[in-house]
Amino acid sequence: MSEMFNVVKGVPLPPINRMPSGVRRKYPIANMALGDWFFVPGRSTKSVSAYISRIAKTSPSRFTTRPAWGIKNNNAWVPSKPGEPGAVEGTGVWRVE
């Protein structure tokens, strides 16, 4: 049985990658500076908060989520107030540390 496996010495251990590659593309937390914000339209704060806390475990930064309103302006979401024409309810994500 031991003849099926070869032992190789000196092979470096690869780093642990806890964050799947697709996660970084879904939400841009890796590109955020302190005070930056992005908007997730139509999603509950509870679901976004759970997802952000899970993917941010390997990040030294801290994030917070709050219910928010946004308007799409030139293919980007910008903050708005409830009741503004075109405003959509969703969740805002801020980098706080």
Protein backbone atom coordinates (compact mmCIF):
# COMPACT_ATOMS: atom_id res chain seq x y z
CA MET A 1 0.00 0.00 0.00
CA SER A 2 2.81 2.46 0.80
CA GLU A 3 4.17 2.01 -2.71
CA MET A 4 1.23 4.03 -4.13
CA PHE A 5 2.34 7.29 -2.52
CA ASN A 6 5.64 9.14 -2.95
CA VAL A 7 6.90 11.36 -0.18
CA VAL A 8 8.44 14.60 -1.44
CA LYS A 9 10.52 16.71 0.96
CA GLY A 10 10.67 20.51 1.04
CA VAL A 11 7.34 21.34 -0.65
CA PRO A 12 6.08 24.69 0.72
CA LEU A 13 2.60 24.78 2.23
CA PRO A 14 0.25 27.06 0.23
CA PRO A 15 -1.51 29.86 2.13
CA ILE A 16 -5.05 29.32 3.39
CA ASN A 17 -7.60 30.88 1.08
CA ARG A 18 -10.84 31.15 3.02
CA MET A 19 -12.49 33.55 0.60
CA PRO A 20 -13.72 32.01 -2.66
CA SER A 21 -12.54 33.87 -5.75
CA GLY A 22 -16.09 34.80 -6.83
CA VAL A 23 -16.82 36.57 -3.53
CA ARG A 24 -14.40 39.38 -4.17
CA ARG A 25 -16.20 40.20 -7.39
CA LYS A 26 -19.68 40.17 -5.86
CA TYR A 27 -19.06 42.92 -3.29
CA PRO A 28 -16.09 45.31 -3.59
CA ILE A 29 -14.93 45.22 0.05
CA ALA A 30 -11.29 44.67 -0.94
CA ASN A 31 -11.28 48.01 -2.83
CA MET A 32 -12.87 50.12 -0.08
CA ALA A 33 -11.11 52.89 1.83
CA LEU A 34 -12.19 54.14 5.24
CA GLY A 35 -15.57 55.89 4.92
CA ASP A 36 -16.44 54.35 1.52
CA TRP A 37 -19.98 53.13 0.85
CA PHE A 38 -21.73 50.88 -1.61
CA PHE A 39 -25.40 50.04 -2.07
CA VAL A 40 -27.09 46.66 -2.50
CA PRO A 41 -30.55 47.31 -3.97
CA GLY A 42 -33.53 45.23 -2.94
CA ARG A 43 -31.69 43.14 -0.34
CA SER A 44 -32.48 43.02 3.36
CA THR A 45 -29.94 44.39 5.80
CA LYS A 46 -30.00 41.10 7.70
CA SER A 47 -28.97 39.01 4.68
CA VAL A 48 -26.30 41.45 3.47
CA SER A 49 -24.91 41.86 7.00
CA ALA A 50 -24.54 38.10 7.45
CA TYR A 51 -22.79 37.79 4.09
CA ILE A 52 -20.45 40.75 4.71
CA SER A 53 -19.46 39.49 8.17
CA ARG A 54 -18.66 36.07 6.72
CA ILE A 55 -16.48 37.33 3.85
CA ALA A 56 -14.81 40.06 5.94
CA LYS A 57 -13.41 37.61 8.53
CA THR A 58 -10.11 37.44 6.65
CA SER A 59 -9.94 41.22 6.21
CA PRO A 60 -8.33 43.57 8.74
CA SER A 61 -11.03 46.14 7.88
CA ARG A 62 -14.42 46.43 9.60
CA PHE A 63 -17.74 47.06 7.91
CA THR A 64 -21.25 48.00 8.97
CA THR A 65 -24.59 47.70 7.20
CA ARG A 66 -27.72 49.83 7.51
CA PRO A 67 -31.04 50.08 5.69
CA ALA A 68 -30.55 52.67 2.96
CA TRP A 69 -32.04 54.18 -0.19
CA GLY A 70 -30.24 54.63 -3.47
CA ILE A 71 -30.77 56.03 -6.95
CA LYS A 72 -29.01 54.71 -10.04
CA ASN A 73 -27.04 57.56 -11.61
CA ASN A 74 -24.82 56.90 -14.66
CA ASN A 75 -24.67 53.15 -13.97
CA ALA A 76 -23.69 53.66 -10.31
CA TRP A 77 -25.78 53.73 -7.14
CA VAL A 78 -25.70 56.98 -5.15
CA PRO A 79 -27.31 57.63 -1.74
CA SER A 80 -30.79 59.14 -1.70
CA LYS A 81 -33.65 59.81 0.67
CA PRO A 82 -36.85 57.78 0.91
CA GLY A 83 -39.54 59.14 -1.36
CA GLU A 84 -37.21 60.69 -3.94
CA PRO A 85 -38.24 59.86 -7.51
CA GLY A 86 -36.46 56.67 -8.60
CA ALA A 87 -35.25 55.82 -5.08
CA VAL A 88 -34.90 52.10 -4.31
CA GLU A 89 -34.80 50.54 -0.86
CA GLY A 90 -31.88 48.27 -0.03
CA THR A 91 -28.82 48.03 2.18
CA GLY A 92 -25.83 50.34 2.46
CA VAL A 93 -22.41 48.94 3.40
CA TRP A 94 -19.78 51.24 4.94
CA ARG A 95 -16.15 50.58 5.80
CA VAL A 96 -15.71 51.88 9.36
CA GLU A 97 -12.16 50.74 10.23
